[in-house]
Amino acid sequence: MGPRLALLLATMAWSVDGRASEGPDSIRTTHFVLLPDDGSVGLARNLSERAEDIRQALLHRLGVSDERVIEVRIASDEAQMSRAVGSAGPVREWIAGMAWPHEGRIVLSARGNEVFSARDVFVHELAHLYLETAIGGRRVPRWFHEGFAMQMAGEPLAMRLKAFLEAGATGSYLPLSDLDDTFPDRPPAVHLAYAQSRMFLQWLDRRAGGRGVGRLVEAMRTGMDFPLAFDTTWGASPETLFEVFRQTTSPLESWLYVLTGSAVLWVLIVGLFLWAYVRKRRRAQDRRRLWELQEEYRGMLSADDGEPTTWIGRGPTDVQ
């Protein structure tokens, strides 16, 4: 974990006055105590039915154990979120969850956000917490932390693909080193940071047959720092492999994705409709002109011999 992230989590932890007291709506499982406010009791009950299975899956993936009882505070609105976090001001609307790994505490928004459901946020934050347990508090880059948490939350790749391919079309990926200690704090850069982290870790995981994260954690638990453990697991530095990863998405493919996005697609549809409409009108005008020429021709022949003449050419309905 980077210094800024560690400082942020430590500051937040100090701002919370100890562990919350259990109220009448608190729910306990073997390894969790869920503390909902009045508007999130139903969500707490739903999470309590899945929490132990989620815990087991995360710890199995990391190859570690953690027998602590984790406190999960659930807030149903912005005011309750700020109170649960211990902040005097509002929590930014795109922040749907926070974790204090060393305190064994999670604060969760019942509303989720535009990407995650509340259940996904729970998995995401619990993945952060257990990853810290697995690496024993050693430093791990922010992009790796977030990539792992998003992957374990089961977020569909399509949710991040738009930001990732738009950056690929313009060659504007964020340098991996910029995501070591902190992320941008405003869209669209923050969305790209999450997209890069998610897509890069997915790519790394495939290269290692789905066992890369476990191998890296095992190496770090023997005393290796992250760069050495990464090199041992994947055979190169993160920066080297990120450049390889970038080349897997060509600018042409990215531009095709951008150009077939929903907004552009609607413009193309409207354009095709207008083109077809104009073409149809021109064909109708051509038919009318042909009919006029036919009438003129009949009139000319009638004037020459005094007898009406039958048109033996192609009729107007044959015009293409």
Protein backbone atom coordinates (compact mmCIF):
# COMPACT_ATOMS: atom_id res chain seq x y z
CA MET A 1 0.00 0.00 0.00
CA GLY A 2 1.35 3.44 -0.92
CA PRO A 3 2.18 6.08 1.71
CA ARG A 4 -0.72 8.33 0.75
CA LEU A 5 -3.24 5.50 0.81
CA ALA A 6 -1.86 4.26 4.12
CA LEU A 7 -2.04 7.76 5.57
CA LEU A 8 -5.59 8.19 4.30
CA LEU A 9 -6.73 4.91 5.84
CA ALA A 10 -4.93 5.66 9.08
CA THR A 11 -6.47 9.13 9.28
CA MET A 12 -9.93 7.71 8.66
CA ALA A 13 -9.39 5.03 11.26
CA TRP A 14 -8.37 7.59 13.87
CA SER A 15 -11.43 9.69 13.05
CA VAL A 16 -13.78 6.86 13.98
CA ASP A 17 -14.42 6.66 17.70
CA GLY A 18 -13.75 2.99 18.29
CA ARG A 19 -16.00 0.18 17.20
CA ALA A 20 -19.67 1.00 16.90
CA SER A 21 -21.96 -0.33 19.59
CA GLU A 22 -24.31 -3.07 18.50
CA GLY A 23 -27.93 -2.01 18.29
CA PRO A 24 -31.14 -4.04 18.10
CA ASP A 25 -30.76 -4.44 14.32
CA SER A 26 -27.16 -5.68 14.38
CA ILE A 27 -26.58 -9.07 12.79
CA ARG A 28 -23.81 -11.48 13.67
CA THR A 29 -22.27 -14.35 11.75
CA THR A 30 -19.18 -16.35 12.65
CA HIS A 31 -16.76 -13.77 11.24
CA PHE A 32 -18.87 -10.63 10.77
CA VAL A 33 -20.96 -8.19 12.73
CA LEU A 34 -23.17 -6.07 10.47
CA LEU A 35 -24.36 -2.72 11.84
CA PRO A 36 -27.04 -1.20 9.60
CA ASP A 37 -28.85 2.08 10.11
CA ASP A 38 -32.65 2.18 10.04
CA GLY A 39 -32.77 2.27 6.23
CA SER A 40 -30.39 -0.60 5.49
CA VAL A 41 -31.56 -3.47 7.69
CA GLY A 42 -32.79 -5.50 4.72
CA LEU A 43 -29.45 -5.20 2.95
CA ALA A 44 -27.63 -6.26 6.11
CA ARG A 45 -29.75 -9.39 6.36
CA ASN A 46 -29.09 -10.20 2.71
CA LEU A 47 -25.33 -9.74 3.12
CA SER A 48 -25.26 -11.83 6.28
CA GLU A 49 -26.53 -14.82 4.29
CA ARG A 50 -23.60 -14.55 1.83
CA ALA A 51 -20.78 -13.06 3.88
CA GLU A 52 -19.19 -16.31 5.07
CA ASP A 53 -19.12 -17.81 1.58
CA ILE A 54 -17.61 -14.62 0.16
CA ARG A 55 -14.98 -14.61 2.92
CA GLN A 56 -14.05 -18.22 2.21
CA ALA A 57 -13.67 -17.59 -1.54
CA LEU A 58 -11.43 -14.56 -1.02
CA LEU A 59 -9.16 -16.24 1.51
CA HIS A 60 -8.91 -19.34 -0.66
CA ARG A 61 -7.84 -17.21 -3.63
CA LEU A 62 -5.15 -15.55 -1.52
CA GLY A 63 -4.06 -18.73 0.20
CA VAL A 64 -4.27 -17.30 3.72
CA SER A 65 -6.50 -17.41 6.79
CA ASP A 66 -8.00 -14.60 8.86
CA GLU A 67 -10.14 -15.44 11.86
CA ARG A 68 -10.98 -11.88 12.87
CA VAL A 69 -14.57 -10.73 13.24
CA ILE A 70 -15.02 -7.94 10.69
CA GLU A 71 -17.26 -4.99 11.50
CA VAL A 72 -19.43 -3.81 8.60
CA ARG A 73 -21.27 -0.50 9.02
CA ILE A 74 -23.98 0.15 6.43
CA ALA A 75 -25.27 3.65 5.64
CA SER A 76 -28.47 4.34 3.74
CA ASP A 77 -27.78 8.00 2.81
CA GLU A 78 -24.98 10.55 2.55
CA ALA A 79 -25.42 11.86 6.11
CA GLN A 80 -25.24 8.37 7.60
CA MET A 81 -22.25 7.59 5.38
CA SER A 82 -20.35 10.59 6.73
CA ARG A 83 -21.28 9.63 10.29
CA ALA A 84 -20.14 6.03 9.79
CA VAL A 85 -16.85 7.20 8.31
CA GLY A 86 -16.38 9.77 11.03
CA SER A 87 -16.15 12.70 8.65
CA ALA A 88 -17.50 16.16 9.38
CA GLY A 89 -18.14 16.77 5.69
CA PRO A 90 -19.95 14.77 3.01
CA VAL A 91 -18.33 11.72 1.44
CA ARG A 92 -17.91 12.08 -2.32
CA GLU A 93 -20.85 10.58 -4.16
CA TRP A 94 -18.78 8.12 -6.21
CA ILE A 95 -17.26 6.59 -3.07
CA ALA A 96 -19.49 3.65 -2.17
CA GLY A 97 -17.31 1.91 0.38
CA MET A 98 -14.17 2.19 2.51
CA ALA A 99 -12.01 -0.32 4.35
CA TRP A 100 -9.70 -0.07 7.37
CA PRO A 101 -7.71 -3.30 7.06
CA HIS A 102 -5.78 -3.07 10.32
CA GLU A 103 -8.94 -2.18 12.23
CA GLY A 104 -10.99 -4.94 10.62
CA ARG A 105 -13.68 -2.46 9.63
CA ILE A 106 -15.70 -1.69 6.50
CA VAL A 107 -18.12 1.17 5.85
CA LEU A 108 -20.58 0.48 3.08
CA SER A 109 -23.11 2.65 1.27
CA ALA A 110 -26.43 0.91 0.74
CA ARG A 111 -26.88 2.85 -2.50
CA GLY A 112 -23.78 1.42 -4.23
CA ASN A 113 -22.71 3.57 -7.18
CA GLU A 114 -22.99 3.69 -10.97
CA VAL A 115 -20.74 0.64 -11.38
CA PHE A 116 -21.19 -1.54 -8.30
CA SER A 117 -24.20 -2.84 -6.45
CA ALA A 118 -24.00 -2.71 -2.65
CA ARG A 119 -23.17 -6.44 -2.60
CA ASP A 120 -20.32 -5.85 -5.06
CA VAL A 121 -18.99 -3.01 -2.90
CA PHE A 122 -18.95 -5.36 0.10
CA VAL A 123 -16.86 -7.91 -1.84
CA HIS A 124 -14.61 -5.12 -3.17
CA GLU A 125 -13.83 -3.71 0.26
CA LEU A 126 -13.43 -7.13 1.85
CA ALA A 127 -10.93 -8.01 -0.89
CA HIS A 128 -8.89 -4.92 0.06
CA LEU A 129 -8.99 -5.94 3.70
CA TYR A 130 -7.93 -9.56 3.15
CA LEU A 131 -5.22 -8.63 0.62
CA GLU A 132 -3.63 -6.51 3.34
CA THR A 133 -3.80 -9.51 5.66
CA ALA A 134 -2.19 -11.71 3.01
CA ILE A 135 0.79 -9.43 2.35
CA GLY A 136 1.33 -8.61 6.00
CA GLY A 137 1.04 -4.86 5.51
CA ARG A 138 3.86 -4.69 2.96
CA ARG A 139 3.65 -2.11 0.21
CA VAL A 140 1.53 -3.01 -2.84
CA PRO A 141 0.81 -0.48 -5.61
CA ARG A 142 -2.61 1.10 -5.60
CA TRP A 143 -3.35 -0.16 -9.12
CA PHE A 144 -2.77 -3.76 -7.97
CA HIS A 145 -4.94 -3.30 -4.89
CA GLU A 146 -7.82 -1.87 -6.94
CA GLY A 147 -7.44 -4.31 -9.81
CA PHE A 148 -7.63 -7.27 -7.43
CA ALA A 149 -10.64 -5.86 -5.55
CA MET A 150 -12.55 -5.20 -8.78
CA GLN A 151 -11.72 -8.63 -10.14
CA MET A 152 -12.90 -10.38 -6.99
CA ALA A 153 -16.11 -8.34 -6.97
CA GLY A 154 -16.88 -9.94 -10.34
CA GLU A 155 -17.32 -6.63 -12.09
CA PRO A 156 -18.04 -7.29 -15.82
CA LEU A 157 -15.17 -6.14 -18.03
CA ALA A 158 -17.66 -4.29 -20.23
CA MET A 159 -18.25 -1.84 -17.38
CA ARG A 160 -14.67 -0.57 -17.75
CA LEU A 161 -14.09 -1.30 -21.43
CA LYS A 162 -15.45 2.04 -22.67
CA ALA A 163 -12.96 4.19 -20.73
CA PHE A 164 -10.11 1.81 -21.56
CA LEU A 165 -10.70 1.74 -25.33
CA GLU A 166 -11.33 5.46 -25.55
CA ALA A 167 -7.87 5.99 -24.03
CA GLY A 168 -6.45 3.45 -26.48
CA ALA A 169 -7.91 5.35 -29.43
CA THR A 170 -6.03 8.51 -28.46
CA GLY A 171 -2.98 6.92 -26.85
CA SER A 172 -3.79 8.58 -23.53
CA TYR A 173 -3.32 5.75 -21.03
CA LEU A 174 -2.12 6.85 -17.61
CA PRO A 175 1.50 5.90 -16.79
CA LEU A 176 1.48 2.94 -14.45
CA SER A 177 3.88 4.73 -12.12
CA ASP A 178 1.25 7.47 -11.63
CA LEU A 179 -1.05 4.85 -10.08
CA ASP A 180 1.42 3.43 -7.57
CA ASP A 181 0.49 5.57 -4.59
CA THR A 182 -2.76 7.31 -5.46
CA PHE A 183 -5.52 7.62 -8.05
CA PRO A 184 -6.93 10.76 -9.69
CA ASP A 185 -9.82 12.16 -7.69
CA ARG A 186 -12.06 13.36 -10.51
CA PRO A 187 -13.71 11.88 -13.62
CA PRO A 188 -12.84 10.98 -16.30
CA ALA A 189 -9.28 10.31 -15.12
CA VAL A 190 -10.44 8.32 -12.09
CA HIS A 191 -12.57 6.06 -14.32
CA LEU A 192 -9.59 5.44 -16.59
CA ALA A 193 -7.38 4.62 -13.59
CA TYR A 194 -9.83 1.96 -12.42
CA ALA A 195 -10.28 0.65 -15.98
CA GLN A 196 -6.53 0.27 -16.53
CA SER A 197 -6.08 -1.49 -13.20
CA ARG A 198 -8.95 -3.88 -13.83
CA MET A 199 -7.96 -4.74 -17.39
CA PHE A 200 -4.22 -5.04 -16.68
CA LEU A 201 -4.67 -7.39 -13.73
CA GLN A 202 -7.12 -9.50 -15.73
CA TRP A 203 -4.51 -9.78 -18.49
CA LEU A 204 -1.78 -10.69 -15.97
CA ASP A 205 -4.03 -13.31 -14.39
CA ARG A 206 -4.58 -15.00 -17.75
CA ARG A 207 -0.83 -15.09 -18.40
CA ALA A 208 -0.38 -16.96 -15.13
CA GLY A 209 -3.24 -19.38 -15.67
CA GLY A 210 -5.35 -17.75 -12.97
CA ARG A 211 -2.74 -18.39 -10.26
CA GLY A 212 -0.68 -15.19 -10.47
CA VAL A 213 -2.10 -13.35 -7.47
CA GLY A 214 -1.70 -16.36 -5.21
CA ARG A 215 1.92 -16.84 -6.31
CA LEU A 216 2.74 -13.17 -5.75
CA VAL A 217 1.19 -13.24 -2.28
CA GLU A 218 3.10 -16.40 -1.41
CA ALA A 219 6.37 -14.78 -2.56
CA MET A 220 5.71 -11.65 -0.51
CA ARG A 221 4.95 -13.72 2.58
CA THR A 222 8.47 -15.15 2.34
CA GLY A 223 9.84 -11.60 2.69
CA MET A 224 10.09 -10.40 -0.92
CA ASP A 225 9.03 -6.86 -1.74
CA PHE A 226 6.43 -6.29 -4.44
CA PRO A 227 8.78 -5.62 -7.41
CA LEU A 228 10.78 -8.80 -6.78
CA ALA A 229 7.67 -10.89 -6.11
CA PHE A 230 6.09 -9.54 -9.30
CA ASP A 231 9.18 -10.36 -11.36
CA THR A 232 9.32 -13.84 -9.82
CA THR A 233 5.67 -14.43 -10.68
CA TRP A 234 5.47 -12.94 -14.18
CA GLY A 235 9.09 -12.79 -15.34
CA ALA A 236 9.32 -9.04 -15.91
CA SER A 237 8.66 -5.71 -14.22
CA PRO A 238 5.13 -4.22 -14.06
CA GLU A 239 6.14 -1.36 -16.38
CA THR A 240 7.56 -3.76 -19.00
CA LEU A 241 4.47 -5.94 -19.02
CA PHE A 242 2.17 -2.92 -19.05
CA GLU A 243 3.77 -1.82 -22.32
CA VAL A 244 3.17 -5.31 -23.72
CA PHE A 245 -0.39 -5.15 -22.45
CA ARG A 246 -1.01 -1.77 -24.11
CA GLN A 247 -0.02 -3.20 -27.47
CA THR A 248 -2.74 -5.85 -27.23
CA THR A 249 -5.30 -3.15 -27.95
CA SER A 250 -4.69 -1.56 -31.34
CA PRO A 251 -5.67 2.08 -32.05
CA LEU A 252 -7.85 0.85 -34.95
CA GLU A 253 -9.88 -1.44 -32.69
CA SER A 254 -10.24 1.34 -30.16
CA TRP A 255 -11.42 3.82 -32.77
CA LEU A 256 -13.93 1.29 -34.09
CA TYR A 257 -15.30 0.90 -30.57
CA VAL A 258 -15.53 4.66 -30.11
CA LEU A 259 -17.13 5.16 -33.51
CA THR A 260 -19.74 2.51 -32.76
CA GLY A 261 -20.58 3.94 -29.36
CA SER A 262 -24.23 4.66 -28.67
CA ALA A 263 -24.07 8.41 -29.36
CA VAL A 264 -22.16 8.03 -32.62
CA LEU A 265 -24.31 5.09 -33.61
CA TRP A 266 -27.47 7.19 -33.32
CA VAL A 267 -25.88 9.89 -35.49
CA LEU A 268 -25.08 7.28 -38.13
CA ILE A 269 -28.62 5.89 -38.00
CA VAL A 270 -30.12 9.36 -38.43
CA GLY A 271 -27.66 10.07 -41.25
CA LEU A 272 -28.62 6.86 -43.06
CA PHE A 273 -32.31 7.69 -42.65
CA LEU A 274 -31.82 11.16 -44.14
CA TRP A 275 -29.75 9.75 -47.01
CA ALA A 276 -32.46 7.19 -47.82
CA TYR A 277 -35.14 9.89 -47.62
CA VAL A 278 -33.29 12.23 -50.01
CA ARG A 279 -32.57 9.35 -52.41
CA LYS A 280 -36.24 8.34 -52.41
CA ARG A 281 -37.34 11.91 -53.17
CA ARG A 282 -34.88 12.15 -56.05
CA ARG A 283 -36.18 8.89 -57.51
CA ALA A 284 -39.75 10.17 -57.25
CA GLN A 285 -38.72 13.39 -59.02
CA ASP A 286 -37.02 11.34 -61.76
CA ARG A 287 -40.21 9.33 -62.28
CA ARG A 288 -42.32 12.48 -62.57
CA ARG A 289 -39.87 13.95 -65.07
CA LEU A 290 -39.98 10.74 -67.11
CA TRP A 291 -43.76 10.82 -67.18
CA GLU A 292 -43.62 14.42 -68.43
CA LEU A 293 -41.16 13.45 -71.17
CA GLN A 294 -43.42 10.56 -72.18
CA GLU A 295 -46.37 12.89 -72.50
CA GLU A 296 -44.32 15.35 -74.55
CA TYR A 297 -43.12 12.55 -76.82
CA ARG A 298 -46.67 11.29 -77.39
CA GLY A 299 -47.75 14.80 -78.20
CA MET A 300 -44.94 15.23 -80.73
CA LEU A 301 -45.82 11.98 -82.50
CA SER A 302 -49.52 12.85 -82.59
CA ALA A 303 -48.72 16.23 -84.11
CA ASP A 304 -46.67 14.58 -86.89
CA ASP A 305 -49.21 12.03 -88.22
CA GLY A 306 -52.42 13.00 -86.60
CA GLU A 307 -52.77 9.64 -84.96
CA PRO A 308 -52.13 8.76 -81.30
CA THR A 309 -49.08 6.58 -80.82
CA THR A 310 -48.61 3.90 -78.21
CA TRP A 311 -45.49 4.18 -76.04
CA ILE A 312 -43.41 1.05 -76.64
CA GLY A 313 -40.43 1.90 -74.41
CA ARG A 314 -39.94 1.07 -70.74
CA GLY A 315 -42.72 2.26 -68.52
CA PRO A 316 -42.16 4.49 -65.49
CA THR A 317 -42.44 1.59 -63.10
CA ASP A 318 -39.31 0.09 -64.66
CA VAL A 319 -37.10 2.98 -63.65
CA GLN A 320 -34.50 1.90 -61.04
